[in-house]
């Protein structure tokens, strides 16, 4: 199992770079950031510094979207980083939540997202692609490689991920929901004539290592609110009681009364008071190292290839170090058998 670190690009950027370097020293192989131009600093500028100051870390957004940049710009940016640092990027992409809504736009349609996945990958890898009715190719790309991983929750999005994406990003760590969603992605991949095992599975969620569970829950409760934004979209589309979406995912948002993006992804977010302890425990990894190892083993059994740690809390360094000392070695030892 691989491990990634997910950060927001809050200033100073040097702190983001420093935490990514710390993660690499502790055995993390991926570095991810949010991508929301109004709320945080521009991630692609920071990626160049992270890549310069690490040796092997693969870097990318969790997640970008097809609406805030033109697709040829996104592809060229990735291709430039790969040309400079040697194919060490990955494109996480989704419909767009905070990046679109904060700017007064709606998230992109799945049709647009599916088209963007193909175009961005083709252009970044040096192939010709149709952009706004015109055939475009980036002529200087040589031996470019850009895996595109798609974030999804609902049935249609999960199907699209299976049909087109190189990887699937699931932003919660509940084993029941993970099993259901991974099965949906793999079924769609098989139906599309793809090898289901070729789709990399990445689960991303907050992890907080420590014995004070009440404090850990309060530091990670924001995550239930962030996931709740996507769940609310699913409820509006499919209804509160739908056979297409498990009730285990939808029932907890009944008390949700809006969402303030100025606190998005931050500990203490007042918009997430509706999130119960049960959901925090199910969606996140909390407690001493042994508790993390137990849950990660369960996720690994379900086919999860990477666990990406959201570190938006007051114990970033301690959690990174605990993963490096106790948790990553335990999972890597299992991979050897």
Foldseek 3Di string as FASTA:
>chain_A
DAEEAEEEQAPPLVVLLVLLQLLVVLRHQEYEYADAVVQHPHVLVSVLVNLVNHQGHAYEYLAAECPPDPLLVLLVSQLVSCVVRPQRYEHEYEQDDNNAVVVPHDGHDVVSRLLSLVCSQQQNQFHWDQGPNDIDHDHPRDRGGYFYEYEDQFLVSLLSRLQRGQEYEYAFQFLVSLLVSLVSSLVSVVVNVHHSLRYAYEYEAAADADAPLVQVLLFRLLSLVVLVVVLVVVCVVANCDHPRHDNVSNVQCPVQDDADCSQHPARPRPNRPSRDSVRSVRGYHYYHLVSVQVSVVSSVVSPHPYYYHHDRGDCSSVVSNRCSPPNVVVVVVVVVD
